[in-house]
Every structure is written in C-alpha cells, then in structure tokens.
Amino acid sequence: MIRHFMLGGVEVKDRHAFSGIAEVDLHLDETTTASPQADDTEKLLVQLDHLNRQLDQALAAGCSRLIVIHGKGKNRLREAVYRTLEGHPHIKNMRLLTDRKYHGGATEITFK
C-alpha cells in the first residue's frame, strides 16, 4: 500500500502489502487552500506547510520512506523542500528521483 497525500486530502493506493512508502504531491491545483490571488511566496508557504504535515503523518504511520513530488519547473520548490528538510532529526537521506516515473520531479526521503 502506498499512501498518497495531496494538498486536498489523503489518497490511499492499494498494493498487495504495505510497502512503507508514502507519497506527497506538492503541486497546487483546484484542491489547494491558497487563494488564486496569493503571491508566489504565499503559495510556497502553503506547499511547505502541507509537506511538514504529511511528513509528520508518514512518520506516525511508520513509513520508511516518503516520496515528495515537487515537479521540475525552475527548481524553486525543490530547493525550498531541501532547505526545509535539511537537518531534520528523522531523515536519514534524500535523493532526487530521476527514473522514468518521476524524471527528476520528485525526491525520495528515507527515514532513520
């Protein structure tokens, strides 16, 4: 089972057995709480707040890894994610996922 967290709520994707991997999508869409008139800084804060809440949920659920989908774009969100998580006491390492599925638009976080 992969637990998939989106800005609008939680989506659980069934698998044959719990894999211990959670996935959070930080893309803003129609489900976000950010106002359409919000500036880029406000939108980024909404995304990072969502990341922190889902990180806590993944840890509480006993997940071993969290995949953070931040997209590619201009790398502003990815850089903000890395700055936010750098030195987090429960994170063992982070690596950019460049496989066919994510194409560099996601980061895998491994928990201690």
N, C-alpha and C. Protein backbone atom coordinates (compact mmCIF):
# COMPACT_ATOMS: atom_id res chain seq x y z
N MET A 1 0.85 -1.17 0.00
CA MET A 1 0.00 0.00 0.00
C MET A 1 0.90 1.24 0.00
N ILE A 2 0.66 2.13 -0.91
CA ILE A 2 1.36 3.40 -0.92
C ILE A 2 0.35 4.44 -0.45
N ARG A 3 0.74 5.21 0.51
CA ARG A 3 -0.12 6.28 0.99
C ARG A 3 0.24 7.52 0.20
N HIS A 4 -0.74 8.11 -0.45
CA HIS A 4 -0.51 9.25 -1.34
C HIS A 4 -1.22 10.46 -0.74
N PHE A 5 -0.45 11.47 -0.34
CA PHE A 5 -1.00 12.66 0.28
C PHE A 5 -0.99 13.80 -0.73
N MET A 6 -2.14 14.40 -0.96
CA MET A 6 -2.22 15.55 -1.86
C MET A 6 -2.68 16.75 -1.06
N LEU A 7 -2.57 17.93 -1.62
CA LEU A 7 -2.95 19.13 -0.91
C LEU A 7 -4.40 19.11 -0.45
N GLY A 8 -5.25 18.45 -1.18
CA GLY A 8 -6.66 18.45 -0.82
C GLY A 8 -7.06 17.35 0.14
N GLY A 9 -6.19 16.41 0.44
CA GLY A 9 -6.53 15.32 1.33
C GLY A 9 -5.60 14.15 1.14
N VAL A 10 -6.03 13.00 1.58
CA VAL A 10 -5.20 11.81 1.53
C VAL A 10 -5.83 10.81 0.58
N GLU A 11 -5.02 10.26 -0.28
CA GLU A 11 -5.47 9.22 -1.19
C GLU A 11 -4.63 7.99 -0.91
N VAL A 12 -5.27 6.86 -0.65
CA VAL A 12 -4.53 5.63 -0.38
C VAL A 12 -4.58 4.76 -1.62
N LYS A 13 -3.41 4.37 -2.08
CA LYS A 13 -3.32 3.49 -3.24
C LYS A 13 -3.01 2.09 -2.73
N ASP A 14 -3.89 1.14 -3.04
CA ASP A 14 -3.71 -0.23 -2.55
C ASP A 14 -2.59 -0.94 -3.26
N ARG A 15 -1.88 -1.73 -2.54
CA ARG A 15 -0.85 -2.65 -3.03
C ARG A 15 -1.10 -3.97 -2.33
N HIS A 16 -0.41 -5.01 -2.71
CA HIS A 16 -0.60 -6.31 -2.08
C HIS A 16 -0.19 -6.30 -0.62
N ALA A 17 0.83 -5.58 -0.28
CA ALA A 17 1.27 -5.48 1.11
C ALA A 17 1.75 -4.06 1.36
N PHE A 18 1.69 -3.64 2.60
CA PHE A 18 2.14 -2.30 2.95
C PHE A 18 3.62 -2.19 2.65
N SER A 19 3.98 -1.24 1.80
CA SER A 19 5.37 -1.09 1.37
C SER A 19 6.15 -0.14 2.27
N GLY A 20 5.45 0.60 3.12
CA GLY A 20 6.14 1.55 3.98
C GLY A 20 6.55 2.81 3.26
N ILE A 21 5.96 3.07 2.09
CA ILE A 21 6.31 4.25 1.30
C ILE A 21 5.09 5.16 1.21
N ALA A 22 5.27 6.40 1.58
CA ALA A 22 4.21 7.40 1.42
C ALA A 22 4.63 8.35 0.31
N GLU A 23 3.64 8.96 -0.33
CA GLU A 23 3.92 9.87 -1.43
C GLU A 23 3.10 11.13 -1.23
N VAL A 24 3.74 12.29 -1.33
CA VAL A 24 3.04 13.55 -1.19
C VAL A 24 3.29 14.39 -2.44
N ASP A 25 2.19 14.92 -3.00
CA ASP A 25 2.27 15.74 -4.20
C ASP A 25 2.09 17.19 -3.79
N LEU A 26 3.09 18.02 -4.03
CA LEU A 26 3.05 19.41 -3.61
C LEU A 26 2.54 20.36 -4.69
N HIS A 27 2.10 19.83 -5.82
CA HIS A 27 1.56 20.69 -6.86
C HIS A 27 0.29 21.39 -6.38
N LEU A 28 0.19 22.66 -6.69
CA LEU A 28 -1.02 23.40 -6.38
C LEU A 28 -2.05 23.09 -7.45
N ASP A 29 -3.26 22.86 -7.05
CA ASP A 29 -4.34 22.61 -8.01
C ASP A 29 -5.64 23.15 -7.43
N GLU A 30 -6.74 22.73 -7.97
CA GLU A 30 -8.03 23.27 -7.53
C GLU A 30 -8.38 22.87 -6.10
N THR A 31 -7.65 21.93 -5.51
CA THR A 31 -7.96 21.50 -4.16
C THR A 31 -7.19 22.28 -3.10
N THR A 32 -6.33 23.16 -3.50
CA THR A 32 -5.50 23.87 -2.54
C THR A 32 -6.28 24.93 -1.76
N THR A 33 -5.76 25.27 -0.61
CA THR A 33 -6.36 26.32 0.21
C THR A 33 -5.79 27.69 -0.13
N ALA A 34 -4.77 27.73 -0.98
CA ALA A 34 -4.16 29.02 -1.36
C ALA A 34 -5.11 29.78 -2.26
N SER A 35 -5.25 31.05 -2.01
CA SER A 35 -6.09 31.91 -2.83
C SER A 35 -5.47 32.07 -4.22
N PRO A 36 -6.29 32.12 -5.25
CA PRO A 36 -5.75 32.35 -6.60
C PRO A 36 -4.97 33.66 -6.70
N GLN A 37 -5.29 34.61 -5.82
CA GLN A 37 -4.60 35.88 -5.82
C GLN A 37 -3.32 35.86 -4.98
N ALA A 38 -3.03 34.73 -4.33
CA ALA A 38 -1.84 34.63 -3.48
C ALA A 38 -0.58 34.81 -4.32
N ASP A 39 0.41 35.47 -3.75
CA ASP A 39 1.67 35.61 -4.48
C ASP A 39 2.50 34.32 -4.34
N ASP A 40 3.59 34.26 -5.06
CA ASP A 40 4.41 33.04 -5.08
C ASP A 40 4.91 32.65 -3.70
N THR A 41 5.24 33.62 -2.87
CA THR A 41 5.73 33.33 -1.52
C THR A 41 4.64 32.68 -0.68
N GLU A 42 3.42 33.20 -0.76
CA GLU A 42 2.30 32.62 -0.01
C GLU A 42 2.01 31.19 -0.48
N LYS A 43 2.05 30.98 -1.78
CA LYS A 43 1.80 29.64 -2.32
C LYS A 43 2.88 28.67 -1.85
N LEU A 44 4.13 29.11 -1.86
CA LEU A 44 5.23 28.26 -1.40
C LEU A 44 5.05 27.90 0.07
N LEU A 45 4.61 28.85 0.88
CA LEU A 45 4.39 28.57 2.30
C LEU A 45 3.28 27.54 2.51
N VAL A 46 2.23 27.61 1.69
CA VAL A 46 1.16 26.61 1.75
C VAL A 46 1.72 25.23 1.42
N GLN A 47 2.54 25.15 0.38
CA GLN A 47 3.12 23.87 -0.04
C GLN A 47 4.04 23.31 1.04
N LEU A 48 4.88 24.15 1.64
CA LEU A 48 5.81 23.67 2.67
C LEU A 48 5.09 23.29 3.95
N ASP A 49 4.03 24.01 4.29
CA ASP A 49 3.22 23.64 5.45
C ASP A 49 2.58 22.27 5.22
N HIS A 50 2.08 22.05 4.01
CA HIS A 50 1.49 20.75 3.68
C HIS A 50 2.56 19.65 3.76
N LEU A 51 3.75 19.92 3.27
CA LEU A 51 4.84 18.94 3.35
C LEU A 51 5.11 18.57 4.80
N ASN A 52 5.21 19.55 5.67
CA ASN A 52 5.50 19.27 7.08
C ASN A 52 4.41 18.44 7.74
N ARG A 53 3.14 18.74 7.44
CA ARG A 53 2.04 17.95 8.00
C ARG A 53 2.09 16.51 7.50
N GLN A 54 2.35 16.33 6.19
CA GLN A 54 2.37 14.98 5.64
C GLN A 54 3.61 14.20 6.08
N LEU A 55 4.71 14.89 6.30
CA LEU A 55 5.90 14.26 6.84
C LEU A 55 5.59 13.69 8.22
N ASP A 56 4.92 14.48 9.05
CA ASP A 56 4.53 14.01 10.38
C ASP A 56 3.60 12.81 10.29
N GLN A 57 2.65 12.84 9.34
CA GLN A 57 1.72 11.71 9.18
C GLN A 57 2.45 10.45 8.73
N ALA A 58 3.40 10.60 7.81
CA ALA A 58 4.16 9.45 7.32
C ALA A 58 4.98 8.83 8.46
N LEU A 59 5.59 9.67 9.27
CA LEU A 59 6.36 9.17 10.41
C LEU A 59 5.44 8.47 11.41
N ALA A 60 4.29 9.06 11.70
CA ALA A 60 3.33 8.47 12.64
C ALA A 60 2.79 7.13 12.13
N ALA A 61 2.68 7.01 10.80
CA ALA A 61 2.17 5.77 10.19
C ALA A 61 3.24 4.69 10.10
N GLY A 62 4.47 5.03 10.46
CA GLY A 62 5.55 4.04 10.44
C GLY A 62 6.15 3.83 9.06
N CYS A 63 5.99 4.78 8.18
CA CYS A 63 6.57 4.65 6.85
C CYS A 63 8.10 4.72 6.93
N SER A 64 8.74 4.01 6.02
CA SER A 64 10.21 4.04 5.98
C SER A 64 10.72 5.09 5.00
N ARG A 65 9.87 5.45 4.03
CA ARG A 65 10.26 6.43 3.02
C ARG A 65 9.08 7.32 2.66
N LEU A 66 9.43 8.51 2.18
CA LEU A 66 8.43 9.46 1.70
C LEU A 66 8.91 9.99 0.36
N ILE A 67 8.06 9.91 -0.64
CA ILE A 67 8.38 10.47 -1.95
C ILE A 67 7.65 11.81 -2.05
N VAL A 68 8.43 12.86 -2.25
CA VAL A 68 7.89 14.21 -2.34
C VAL A 68 7.90 14.63 -3.81
N ILE A 69 6.71 14.81 -4.38
CA ILE A 69 6.60 15.23 -5.77
C ILE A 69 6.55 16.76 -5.78
N HIS A 70 7.63 17.36 -6.30
CA HIS A 70 7.74 18.81 -6.32
C HIS A 70 7.77 19.36 -7.73
N GLY A 71 7.87 18.50 -8.71
CA GLY A 71 7.94 18.95 -10.10
C GLY A 71 9.32 19.45 -10.44
N LYS A 72 9.50 19.82 -11.69
CA LYS A 72 10.80 20.28 -12.16
C LYS A 72 10.82 21.79 -12.26
N GLY A 73 10.07 22.35 -13.14
CA GLY A 73 9.98 23.80 -13.28
C GLY A 73 11.31 24.51 -13.16
N LYS A 74 11.35 25.53 -12.32
CA LYS A 74 12.57 26.31 -12.11
C LYS A 74 13.31 25.86 -10.85
N ASN A 75 12.89 24.75 -10.28
CA ASN A 75 13.52 24.14 -9.09
C ASN A 75 13.35 24.95 -7.81
N ARG A 76 12.50 25.94 -7.80
CA ARG A 76 12.31 26.74 -6.58
C ARG A 76 11.68 25.90 -5.47
N LEU A 77 10.66 25.13 -5.82
CA LEU A 77 10.00 24.30 -4.81
C LEU A 77 10.95 23.22 -4.31
N ARG A 78 11.66 22.57 -5.21
CA ARG A 78 12.61 21.53 -4.80
C ARG A 78 13.66 22.11 -3.85
N GLU A 79 14.20 23.25 -4.19
CA GLU A 79 15.21 23.87 -3.33
C GLU A 79 14.63 24.23 -1.97
N ALA A 80 13.40 24.72 -1.95
CA ALA A 80 12.74 25.05 -0.68
C ALA A 80 12.49 23.79 0.15
N VAL A 81 12.11 22.69 -0.51
CA VAL A 81 11.91 21.42 0.18
C VAL A 81 13.22 20.98 0.82
N TYR A 82 14.31 21.03 0.08
CA TYR A 82 15.60 20.60 0.61
C TYR A 82 16.03 21.48 1.79
N ARG A 83 15.85 22.79 1.67
CA ARG A 83 16.21 23.70 2.78
C ARG A 83 15.37 23.40 4.01
N THR A 84 14.08 23.13 3.80
CA THR A 84 13.17 22.86 4.90
C THR A 84 13.53 21.56 5.63
N LEU A 85 13.91 20.55 4.88
CA LEU A 85 14.16 19.23 5.48
C LEU A 85 15.60 18.99 5.91
N GLU A 86 16.50 19.86 5.48
CA GLU A 86 17.90 19.70 5.83
C GLU A 86 18.07 19.72 7.35
N GLY A 87 18.73 18.70 7.87
CA GLY A 87 18.97 18.61 9.30
C GLY A 87 17.79 18.09 10.11
N HIS A 88 16.72 17.64 9.45
CA HIS A 88 15.56 17.10 10.16
C HIS A 88 16.02 15.88 10.95
N PRO A 89 15.66 15.76 12.22
CA PRO A 89 16.17 14.67 13.06
C PRO A 89 15.73 13.26 12.65
N HIS A 90 14.66 13.13 11.87
CA HIS A 90 14.18 11.80 11.49
C HIS A 90 14.55 11.40 10.06
N ILE A 91 15.27 12.27 9.36
CA ILE A 91 15.62 11.98 7.97
C ILE A 91 17.04 11.46 7.87
N LYS A 92 17.16 10.28 7.27
CA LYS A 92 18.48 9.66 7.07
C LYS A 92 19.15 10.25 5.83
N ASN A 93 18.41 10.29 4.71
CA ASN A 93 18.95 10.89 3.49
C ASN A 93 17.84 11.26 2.52
N MET A 94 18.22 12.05 1.52
CA MET A 94 17.30 12.47 0.47
C MET A 94 18.01 12.27 -0.86
N ARG A 95 17.24 11.83 -1.87
CA ARG A 95 17.84 11.70 -3.20
C ARG A 95 16.81 12.05 -4.27
N LEU A 96 17.29 12.75 -5.28
CA LEU A 96 16.45 13.13 -6.41
C LEU A 96 16.13 11.89 -7.23
N LEU A 97 14.86 11.69 -7.56
CA LEU A 97 14.44 10.53 -8.35
C LEU A 97 14.45 10.91 -9.83
N THR A 98 15.33 10.27 -10.57
CA THR A 98 15.48 10.58 -12.00
C THR A 98 15.00 9.44 -12.88
N ASP A 99 14.23 8.53 -12.32
CA ASP A 99 13.75 7.37 -13.08
C ASP A 99 12.65 7.78 -14.06
N ARG A 100 12.13 6.81 -14.79
CA ARG A 100 11.11 7.08 -15.80
C ARG A 100 9.83 7.66 -15.23
N LYS A 101 9.48 7.27 -14.02
CA LYS A 101 8.23 7.73 -13.43
C LYS A 101 8.30 9.19 -13.01
N TYR A 102 9.42 9.62 -12.42
CA TYR A 102 9.49 10.96 -11.84
C TYR A 102 10.33 11.95 -12.64
N HIS A 103 11.25 11.51 -13.45
CA HIS A 103 12.05 12.37 -14.33
C HIS A 103 12.68 13.58 -13.62
N GLY A 104 13.13 13.38 -12.38
CA GLY A 104 13.75 14.48 -11.65
C GLY A 104 12.77 15.41 -10.98
N GLY A 105 11.50 15.08 -11.01
CA GLY A 105 10.48 15.94 -10.40
C GLY A 105 10.04 15.50 -9.03
N ALA A 106 10.82 14.59 -8.41
CA ALA A 106 10.47 14.09 -7.07
C ALA A 106 11.75 13.75 -6.31
N THR A 107 11.61 13.76 -5.00
CA THR A 107 12.72 13.42 -4.12
C THR A 107 12.26 12.33 -3.18
N GLU A 108 13.09 11.32 -3.00
CA GLU A 108 12.81 10.25 -2.05
C GLU A 108 13.53 10.54 -0.74
N ILE A 109 12.76 10.53 0.33
CA ILE A 109 13.31 10.74 1.66
C ILE A 109 13.28 9.40 2.39
N THR A 110 14.40 9.02 2.97
CA THR A 110 14.49 7.81 3.77
C THR A 110 14.57 8.23 5.23
N PHE A 111 13.72 7.60 6.04
CA PHE A 111 13.70 7.92 7.47
C PHE A 111 14.68 7.04 8.22
N LYS A 112 15.12 7.56 9.35
CA LYS A 112 16.05 6.81 10.23
C LYS A 112 15.31 5.67 10.90
